[in-house]
C-alpha atoms as a PDB file:
ATOM      1  CA  MET A   1      -4.413  -4.633 -19.158  1.00  0.00           C
ATOM      2  CA  TYR A   2      -0.933  -3.789 -18.205  1.00  0.00           C
ATOM      3  CA  ALA A   3       0.088  -0.043 -19.761  1.00  0.00           C
ATOM      4  CA  ALA A   4       3.661   0.575 -20.498  1.00  0.00           C
ATOM      5  CA  ARG A   5       6.376   1.084 -17.575  1.00  0.00           C
ATOM      6  CA  SER A   6       5.963   4.001 -16.080  1.00  0.00           C
ATOM      7  CA  SER A   7       8.423   4.432 -13.216  1.00  0.00           C
ATOM      8  CA  GLN A   8      11.351   2.742 -11.009  1.00  0.00           C
ATOM      9  CA  PHE A   9      11.333   2.652  -7.508  1.00  0.00           C
ATOM     10  CA  SER A  10      15.217   1.747  -5.927  1.00  0.00           C
ATOM     11  CA  ARG A  11      15.685   0.116  -2.882  1.00  0.00           C
ATOM     12  CA  ALA A  12      18.885   0.309  -0.968  1.00  0.00           C
ATOM     13  CA  SER A  13      20.138  -2.588  -1.977  1.00  0.00           C
ATOM     14  CA  GLY A  14      20.360  -1.236  -5.826  1.00  0.00           C
ATOM     15  CA  LEU A  15      17.810  -3.452  -6.922  1.00  0.00           C
ATOM     16  CA  MET A  16      15.597  -1.510  -9.773  1.00  0.00           C
ATOM     17  CA  LEU A  17      11.706  -2.643  -9.872  1.00  0.00           C
ATOM     18  CA  ASN A  18       9.717  -1.253 -12.609  1.00  0.00           C
ATOM     19  CA  LEU A  19       6.815   0.222 -11.358  1.00  0.00           C
ATOM     20  CA  LEU A  20       3.961  -0.390 -13.917  1.00  0.00           C
ATOM     21  CA  ARG A  21       0.381   1.379 -14.523  1.00  0.00           C
ATOM     22  CA  ILE A  22      -2.320  -1.466 -14.531  1.00  0.00           C
ATOM     23  CA  CYS A  23      -5.602  -0.495 -16.010  1.00  0.00           C
ATOM     24  CA  CYS A  24      -9.315  -1.579 -16.093  1.00  0.00           C
ATOM     25  CA  CYS A  25     -12.056  -0.473 -17.639  1.00  0.00           C
ATOM     26  CA  THR A  26     -15.479  -1.626 -17.217  1.00  0.00           C
ATOM     27  CA  THR A  27     -18.862  -0.321 -18.481  1.00  0.00           C
ATOM     28  CA  PRO A  28     -21.962  -1.527 -15.949  1.00  0.00           C
ATOM     29  CA  PRO A  29     -25.665  -0.136 -17.287  1.00  0.00           C
ATOM     30  CA  HIS A  30     -26.708   2.755 -15.114  1.00  0.00           C
ATOM     31  CA  SER A  31     -29.867   0.397 -14.333  1.00  0.00           C
ATOM     32  CA  LEU A  32     -27.233  -2.082 -12.385  1.00  0.00           C
ATOM     33  CA  LEU A  33     -25.464   0.564 -10.403  1.00  0.00           C
ATOM     34  CA  SER A  34     -29.093   2.052  -9.676  1.00  0.00           C
ATOM     35  CA  SER A  35     -30.285  -1.145  -8.160  1.00  0.00           C
ATOM     36  CA  SER A  36     -29.825  -3.600  -5.254  1.00  0.00           C
ATOM     37  CA  PRO A  37     -27.754  -5.060  -3.952  1.00  0.00           C
ATOM     38  CA  HIS A  38     -25.331  -4.072  -6.672  1.00  0.00           C
ATOM     39  CA  GLY A  39     -25.879  -0.323  -7.035  1.00  0.00           C
ATOM     40  CA  SER A  40     -22.491   0.589  -5.877  1.00  0.00           C
ATOM     41  CA  GLN A  41     -19.452   1.958  -7.580  1.00  0.00           C
ATOM     42  CA  SER A  42     -17.325   0.034  -5.198  1.00  0.00           C
ATOM     43  CA  TYR A  43     -18.970  -3.370  -5.824  1.00  0.00           C
ATOM     44  CA  VAL A  44     -18.397  -3.068  -9.340  1.00  0.00           C
ATOM     45  CA  LEU A  45     -14.959  -2.076  -9.438  1.00  0.00           C
ATOM     46  CA  ASP A  46     -14.162  -4.951  -6.731  1.00  0.00           C
ATOM     47  CA  GLU A  47     -15.752  -7.367  -9.020  1.00  0.00           C
ATOM     48  CA  ARG A  48     -13.879  -6.387 -11.929  1.00  0.00           C
ATOM     49  CA  CYS A  49     -10.786  -4.511 -11.574  1.00  0.00           C
ATOM     50  CA  SER A  50      -9.518  -5.449  -8.190  1.00  0.00           C
ATOM     51  CA  THR A  51      -7.725  -8.606  -8.783  1.00  0.00           C
ATOM     52  CA  GLY A  52      -7.484  -8.189 -12.511  1.00  0.00           C
ATOM     53  CA  ALA A  53     -10.568 -10.288 -13.258  1.00  0.00           C
ATOM     54  CA  SER A  54     -11.396  -8.239 -16.085  1.00  0.00           C
ATOM     55  CA  MET A  55      -8.212  -8.518 -17.887  1.00  0.00           C
ATOM     56  CA  PRO A  56      -7.102 -11.759 -20.359  1.00  0.00           C
ATOM     57  CA  GLY A  57      -5.919 -14.683 -18.319  1.00  0.00           C
ATOM     58  CA  GLU A  58      -2.126 -14.381 -18.947  1.00  0.00           C
ATOM     59  CA  LEU A  59      -2.031 -10.697 -17.741  1.00  0.00           C
ATOM     60  CA  ARG A  60      -4.196 -11.030 -14.450  1.00  0.00           C
ATOM     61  CA  VAL A  61      -1.858  -9.478 -11.626  1.00  0.00           C
ATOM     62  CA  GLY A  62      -1.687 -12.574  -9.468  1.00  0.00           C
ATOM     63  CA  THR A  63      -0.628 -14.649 -12.761  1.00  0.00           C
ATOM     64  CA  ALA A  64       1.894 -11.954 -13.164  1.00  0.00           C
ATOM     65  CA  PHE A  65       3.449 -12.275  -9.496  1.00  0.00           C
ATOM     66  CA  VAL A  66       3.790 -16.255 -10.416  1.00  0.00           C
ATOM     67  CA  ASN A  67       4.660 -16.142 -14.276  1.00  0.00           C
ATOM     68  CA  GLY A  68       4.988 -12.441 -15.445  1.00  0.00           C
ATOM     69  CA  ASP A  69       8.286 -12.128 -17.335  1.00  0.00           C
ATOM     70  CA  GLY A  70       9.010  -8.394 -16.146  1.00  0.00           C
ATOM     71  CA  VAL A  71       8.083  -6.706 -19.370  1.00  0.00           C
ATOM     72  CA  ASP A  72       5.175  -4.500 -19.166  1.00  0.00           C
ATOM     73  CA  LYS A  73       4.249  -6.276 -15.886  1.00  0.00           C
ATOM     74  CA  PRO A  74       5.182  -7.866 -12.719  1.00  0.00           C
ATOM     75  CA  LYS A  75       8.519 -10.594 -12.295  1.00  0.00           C
ATOM     76  CA  GLY A  76       6.807 -13.882 -11.478  1.00  0.00           C
ATOM     77  CA  PHE A  77       8.798 -15.957  -8.899  1.00  0.00           C
ATOM     78  CA  LEU A  78       9.033 -18.609 -11.201  1.00  0.00           C
ATOM     79  CA  THR A  79      10.456 -16.884 -13.877  1.00  0.00           C
ATOM     80  CA  TYR A  80      13.558 -16.764 -12.029  1.00  0.00           C
ATOM     81  CA  THR A  81      16.911 -19.222 -13.053  1.00  0.00           C
ATOM     82  CA  THR A  82      17.211 -21.720 -10.331  1.00  0.00           C
ATOM     83  CA  ALA A  83      19.989 -24.091  -8.944  1.00  0.00           C
ATOM     84  CA  SER A  84      20.445 -27.031  -6.644  1.00  0.00           C
ATOM     85  CA  THR A  85      23.116 -25.235  -4.945  1.00  0.00           C
ATOM     86  CA  ALA A  86      22.902 -23.760  -1.263  1.00  0.00           C
ATOM     87  CA  ASP A  87      22.258 -20.476  -0.543  1.00  0.00           C
ATOM     88  CA  ALA A  88      25.942 -19.670   0.426  1.00  0.00           C
ATOM     89  CA  THR A  89      27.466 -20.456  -3.108  1.00  0.00           C
ATOM     90  CA  ARG A  90      24.280 -19.543  -5.562  1.00  0.00           C
ATOM     91  CA  ALA A  91      24.389 -16.669  -7.582  1.00  0.00           C
ATOM     92  CA  PHE A  92      21.852 -13.650  -5.932  1.00  0.00           C
ATOM     93  CA  GLY A  93      18.498 -13.481  -8.032  1.00  0.00           C
ATOM     94  CA  GLN A  94      19.232 -17.532  -8.237  1.00  0.00           C
ATOM     95  CA  LEU A  95      16.357 -19.441  -6.641  1.00  0.00           C
ATOM     96  CA  GLN A  96      17.337 -22.780  -4.820  1.00  0.00           C
ATOM     97  CA  TYR A  97      15.349 -26.173  -6.191  1.00  0.00           C
ATOM     98  CA  VAL A  98      15.032 -29.391  -4.601  1.00  0.00           C
ATOM     99  CA  ALA A  99      14.517 -32.215  -6.539  1.00  0.00           C
ATOM    100  CA  SER A 100      11.725 -34.624  -6.223  1.00  0.00           C
ATOM    101  CA  GLY A 101      13.920 -37.332  -6.938  1.00  0.00           C
ATOM    102  CA  LEU A 102      11.400 -38.897 -10.051  1.00  0.00           C
ATOM    103  CA  ALA A 103      10.875 -36.733 -13.126  1.00  0.00           C
ATOM    104  CA  GLY A 104       7.328 -35.756 -13.141  1.00  0.00           C
ATOM    105  CA  GLY A 105       6.373 -37.501  -9.532  1.00  0.00           C
ATOM    106  CA  LEU A 106       7.844 -38.369  -6.054  1.00  0.00           C
ATOM    107  CA  PRO A 107       9.181 -41.502  -4.680  1.00  0.00           C
ATOM    108  CA  THR A 108       6.866 -43.800  -4.025  1.00  0.00           C
ATOM    109  CA  THR A 109       8.506 -44.653  -0.973  1.00  0.00           C
ATOM    110  CA  ASN A 110       8.120 -42.254   1.910  1.00  0.00           C
ATOM    111  CA  PRO A 111       7.513 -38.982  -0.431  1.00  0.00           C
ATOM    112  CA  GLU A 112       6.908 -36.723   2.603  1.00  0.00           C
ATOM    113  CA  ASN A 113      10.417 -36.920   3.221  1.00  0.00           C
ATOM    114  CA  LYS A 114      11.212 -34.822   0.136  1.00  0.00           C
ATOM    115  CA  LEU A 115       8.790 -32.085   0.906  1.00  0.00           C
ATOM    116  CA  LEU A 116      10.807 -32.024   4.639  1.00  0.00           C
ATOM    117  CA  ASP A 117      14.043 -31.826   2.646  1.00  0.00           C
ATOM    118  CA  LEU A 118      12.268 -28.831   1.063  1.00  0.00           C
ATOM    119  CA  VAL A 119      11.320 -27.480   4.355  1.00  0.00           C
ATOM    120  CA  HIS A 120      14.511 -27.464   5.760  1.00  0.00           C
ATOM    121  CA  ALA A 121      16.561 -25.953   2.440  1.00  0.00           C
ATOM    122  CA  LEU A 122      15.240 -22.623   3.655  1.00  0.00           C
ATOM    123  CA  ARG A 123      16.882 -21.354   6.781  1.00  0.00           C
ATOM    124  CA  ALA A 124      15.656 -21.103   9.773  1.00  0.00           C
ATOM    125  CA  PRO A 125      15.049 -16.987  10.334  1.00  0.00           C
ATOM    126  CA  TYR A 126      12.732 -17.489   7.055  1.00  0.00           C
ATOM    127  CA  ARG A 127      10.569 -20.510   8.306  1.00  0.00           C
ATOM    128  CA  GLN A 128       8.821 -18.030  10.714  1.00  0.00           C
ATOM    129  CA  GLY A 129       5.993 -17.129   8.412  1.00  0.00           C
ATOM    130  CA  ALA A 130       6.820 -19.270   5.710  1.00  0.00           C
ATOM    131  CA  VAL A 131       3.771 -20.845   3.654  1.00  0.00           C
ATOM    132  CA  TRP A 132       3.157 -23.459   1.067  1.00  0.00           C
ATOM    133  CA  VAL A 133       1.990 -22.447  -2.512  1.00  0.00           C
ATOM    134  CA  MET A 134       0.656 -24.938  -5.251  1.00  0.00           C
ATOM    135  CA  ASN A 135      -2.176 -25.493  -7.008  1.00  0.00           C
ATOM    136  CA  SER A 136      -5.424 -27.672  -6.201  1.00  0.00           C
ATOM    137  CA  GLU A 137      -4.349 -30.555  -8.462  1.00  0.00           C
ATOM    138  CA  THR A 138      -1.184 -30.454  -6.624  1.00  0.00           C
ATOM    139  CA  LEU A 139      -2.922 -30.159  -3.586  1.00  0.00           C
ATOM    140  CA  ALA A 140      -4.811 -32.973  -3.620  1.00  0.00           C
ATOM    141  CA  THR A 141      -1.862 -35.602  -4.349  1.00  0.00           C
ATOM    142  CA  ILE A 142      -0.071 -33.886  -1.132  1.00  0.00           C
ATOM    143  CA  ARG A 143      -3.027 -34.477   0.765  1.00  0.00           C
ATOM    144  CA  LYS A 144      -2.774 -38.074   0.585  1.00  0.00           C
ATOM    145  CA  PHE A 145       0.315 -38.630   1.531  1.00  0.00           C
ATOM    146  CA  LYS A 146       0.704 -40.135   5.544  1.00  0.00           C
ATOM    147  CA  THR A 147       3.547 -40.740   7.664  1.00  0.00           C
ATOM    148  CA  ALA A 148       4.567 -44.172   8.879  1.00  0.00           C
ATOM    149  CA  ASP A 149       2.149 -44.351  11.681  1.00  0.00           C
ATOM    150  CA  GLY A 150      -0.442 -43.824   9.292  1.00  0.00           C
ATOM    151  CA  ALA A 151      -0.931 -39.694  10.026  1.00  0.00           C
ATOM    152  CA  PHE A 152      -1.812 -37.548   7.241  1.00  0.00           C
ATOM    153  CA  ILE A 153       0.855 -34.901   7.024  1.00  0.00           C
ATOM    154  CA  TRP A 154      -2.010 -32.275   5.704  1.00  0.00           C
ATOM    155  CA  THR A 155      -3.819 -31.076   8.684  1.00  0.00           C
ATOM    156  CA  PRO A 156      -7.193 -29.237   8.134  1.00  0.00           C
ATOM    157  CA  GLY A 157      -7.692 -25.532   9.758  1.00  0.00           C
ATOM    158  CA  LEU A 158      -9.751 -26.163  13.136  1.00  0.00           C
ATOM    159  CA  VAL A 159     -10.938 -23.251  13.771  1.00  0.00           C
ATOM    160  CA  SER A 160     -12.899 -20.509  11.352  1.00  0.00           C
ATOM    161  CA  GLY A 161     -10.411 -18.171   9.815  1.00  0.00           C
ATOM    162  CA  GLN A 162      -7.342 -20.439  10.289  1.00  0.00           C
ATOM    163  CA  PRO A 163      -5.512 -21.889   7.159  1.00  0.00           C
ATOM    164  CA  ASP A 164      -5.112 -25.774   6.210  1.00  0.00           C
ATOM    165  CA  THR A 165      -1.306 -26.626   6.829  1.00  0.00           C
ATOM    166  CA  LEU A 166       1.183 -29.189   5.456  1.00  0.00           C
ATOM    167  CA  LEU A 167       3.702 -30.323   7.833  1.00  0.00           C
ATOM    168  CA  GLY A 168       2.955 -27.391  10.371  1.00  0.00           C
ATOM    169  CA  TYR A 169       2.846 -24.559   7.377  1.00  0.00           C
ATOM    170  CA  PRO A 170      -0.506 -22.672   5.851  1.00  0.00           C
ATOM    171  CA  ILE A 171      -1.159 -23.584   2.591  1.00  0.00           C
ATOM    172  CA  VAL A 172      -2.048 -20.937   0.028  1.00  0.00           C
ATOM    173  CA  GLU A 173      -3.602 -22.294  -3.001  1.00  0.00           C
ATOM    174  CA  SER A 174      -2.877 -20.610  -6.296  1.00  0.00           C
ATOM    175  CA  GLU A 175      -4.142 -21.483  -9.668  1.00  0.00           C
ATOM    176  CA  ASP A 176      -1.330 -19.862 -11.581  1.00  0.00           C
ATOM    177  CA  MET A 177       1.236 -22.669 -10.482  1.00  0.00           C
ATOM    178  CA  PRO A 178       1.999 -25.352 -12.829  1.00  0.00           C
ATOM    179  CA  SER A 179       0.553 -28.652 -12.278  1.00  0.00           C
ATOM    180  CA  ILE A 180       2.751 -31.923 -11.578  1.00  0.00           C
ATOM    181  CA  THR A 181       4.971 -32.732 -14.900  1.00  0.00           C
ATOM    182  CA  ALA A 182       8.564 -33.688 -15.351  1.00  0.00           C
ATOM    183  CA  ASN A 183      10.808 -30.922 -14.858  1.00  0.00           C
ATOM    184  CA  SER A 184       8.227 -28.522 -13.731  1.00  0.00           C
ATOM    185  CA  THR A 185       8.218 -26.783 -10.200  1.00  0.00           C
ATOM    186  CA  PRO A 186       4.851 -27.003  -8.854  1.00  0.00           C
ATOM    187  CA  ILE A 187       5.369 -26.391  -5.179  1.00  0.00           C
ATOM    188  CA  ALA A 188       6.919 -23.301  -3.712  1.00  0.00           C
ATOM    189  CA  PHE A 189       8.054 -23.269   0.067  1.00  0.00           C
ATOM    190  CA  GLY A 190       8.889 -19.935   1.432  1.00  0.00           C
ATOM    191  CA  ASN A 191       8.624 -16.898   3.086  1.00  0.00           C
ATOM    192  CA  PHE A 192       7.041 -14.171   0.653  1.00  0.00           C
ATOM    193  CA  ARG A 193       7.230 -11.051   2.969  1.00  0.00           C
ATOM    194  CA  ALA A 194      10.981 -11.684   2.749  1.00  0.00           C
ATOM    195  CA  GLY A 195      11.241 -12.550  -0.579  1.00  0.00           C
ATOM    196  CA  TYR A 196       9.211 -11.092  -2.826  1.00  0.00           C
ATOM    197  CA  LEU A 197       8.257  -7.035  -2.990  1.00  0.00           C
ATOM    198  CA  ILE A 198       5.147  -6.138  -3.962  1.00  0.00           C
ATOM    199  CA  ALA A 199       5.278  -2.397  -4.640  1.00  0.00           C
ATOM    200  CA  GLU A 200       2.413   0.312  -5.089  1.00  0.00           C
ATOM    201  CA  ARG A 201       2.808   3.965  -5.715  1.00  0.00           C
ATOM    202  CA  THR A 202      -0.463   5.365  -5.642  1.00  0.00           C
ATOM    203  CA  GLU A 203      -3.903   4.481  -4.467  1.00  0.00           C
ATOM    204  CA  THR A 204      -6.187   3.324  -7.560  1.00  0.00           C
ATOM    205  CA  ASN A 205      -7.520   6.709  -9.530  1.00  0.00           C
ATOM    206  CA  ILE A 206     -10.818   6.028 -10.487  1.00  0.00           C
ATOM    207  CA  LEU A 207     -12.442   7.886 -13.745  1.00  0.00           C
ATOM    208  CA  ARG A 208     -16.051   7.871 -13.827  1.00  0.00           C
ATOM    209  CA  ASP A 209     -17.979   8.988 -16.905  1.00  0.00           C
ATOM    210  CA  PRO A 210     -22.102   8.786 -17.084  1.00  0.00           C
ATOM    211  CA  TYR A 211     -22.111  10.708 -20.581  1.00  0.00           C
ATOM    212  CA  SER A 212     -20.099   9.453 -23.215  1.00  0.00           C
ATOM    213  CA  ASN A 213     -22.147   6.194 -23.985  1.00  0.00           C
ATOM    214  CA  LYS A 214     -25.525   6.737 -22.130  1.00  0.00           C
ATOM    215  CA  PRO A 215     -27.195   4.340 -20.671  1.00  0.00           C
ATOM    216  CA  TYR A 216     -23.744   3.056 -19.582  1.00  0.00           C
ATOM    217  CA  VAL A 217     -21.400   4.533 -17.116  1.00  0.00           C
ATOM    218  CA  HIS A 218     -17.611   4.070 -17.908  1.00  0.00           C
ATOM    219  CA  PHE A 219     -15.475   3.610 -15.172  1.00  0.00           C
ATOM    220  CA  TYR A 220     -11.588   3.578 -16.306  1.00  0.00           C
ATOM    221  CA  ALA A 221      -9.401   2.475 -13.039  1.00  0.00           C
ATOM    222  CA  THR A 222      -5.197   2.757 -12.967  1.00  0.00           C
ATOM    223  CA  LYS A 223      -2.680   1.982 -10.419  1.00  0.00           C
ATOM    224  CA  ARG A 224       0.757   1.619 -10.512  1.00  0.00           C
ATOM    225  CA  LEU A 225       2.504  -1.791  -9.205  1.00  0.00           C
ATOM    226  CA  GLY A 226       5.272  -4.033  -9.616  1.00  0.00           C
ATOM    227  CA  GLY A 227       6.612  -7.232  -8.518  1.00  0.00           C
ATOM    228  CA  ALA A 228       9.695  -8.818  -8.410  1.00  0.00           C
ATOM    229  CA  VAL A 229      11.870 -11.071  -6.051  1.00  0.00           C
ATOM    230  CA  THR A 230      14.120  -9.385  -3.618  1.00  0.00           C
ATOM    231  CA  ASN A 231      15.076 -11.967  -1.295  1.00  0.00           C
ATOM    232  CA  SER A 232      16.215 -15.406  -3.434  1.00  0.00           C
ATOM    233  CA  GLU A 233      17.137 -17.279  -0.008  1.00  0.00           C
ATOM    234  CA  ALA A 234      13.676 -16.817   1.283  1.00  0.00           C
ATOM    235  CA  ILE A 235      11.561 -18.678  -1.333  1.00  0.00           C
ATOM    236  CA  LYS A 236      12.509 -22.241  -2.290  1.00  0.00           C
ATOM    237  CA  LEU A 237      11.162 -24.497  -5.212  1.00  0.00           C
ATOM    238  CA  MET A 238      10.591 -28.232  -5.657  1.00  0.00           C
ATOM    239  CA  LYS A 239      11.518 -29.109  -9.209  1.00  0.00           C
ATOM    240  CA  PHE A 240       9.692 -32.689 -10.216  1.00  0.00           C
ATOM    241  CA  ALA A 241      13.020 -34.198 -11.641  1.00  0.00           C
ATOM    242  CA  ALA A 242      15.655 -37.140 -10.925  1.00  0.00           C
ATOM    243  CA  ASN A 243      17.923 -34.032  -9.567  1.00  0.00           C
END
């Protein structure tokens, strides 16, 4: 769950970022904690609280970084207004989109060209460290695209730990991204280190209560966390629309 806003974080640019108190409560039985291989406090908290797995779906931390409205949760990058205009003329805080050319799809002829347009909508300094973000359904569609000579534009990671790439850039699969529908923005390309700030005020605080509800042990974990776009030039979107 997300608790009420607790503080604000200010950057030199004047942007104010709300830091929100995130809470997670889990109640394993004492027998689980004392058994092997799961007999540790850290295991329980990692499984239930580290990524918001125990929270309702729309309130998970990862979901909020993509779709959160900023009210008692981080503001997701897909909730910002968008425009097709370039960086020099677009208002700060608006993300640029590149139209796919077809509502709900990509052109049947050379669809990879639209992906190249998206790559080069991002200025060269930001392309160093840029990644693709999409869900697995969208990726399944994109993986089938080939160049004129029959080569796939998707390349698997050939070394353990190395990510798959699309047009030379790593792919991050996020099931919080929308699927391909008319006027949706299911593909993002950008340097998220430069464009999106995740701020943590303190380390996770853990309250352990083995007495209130024996034989269960209550764990109550809290941390302060916020997220917002801080550089709208560093993240680009593909909008599945005619223009």
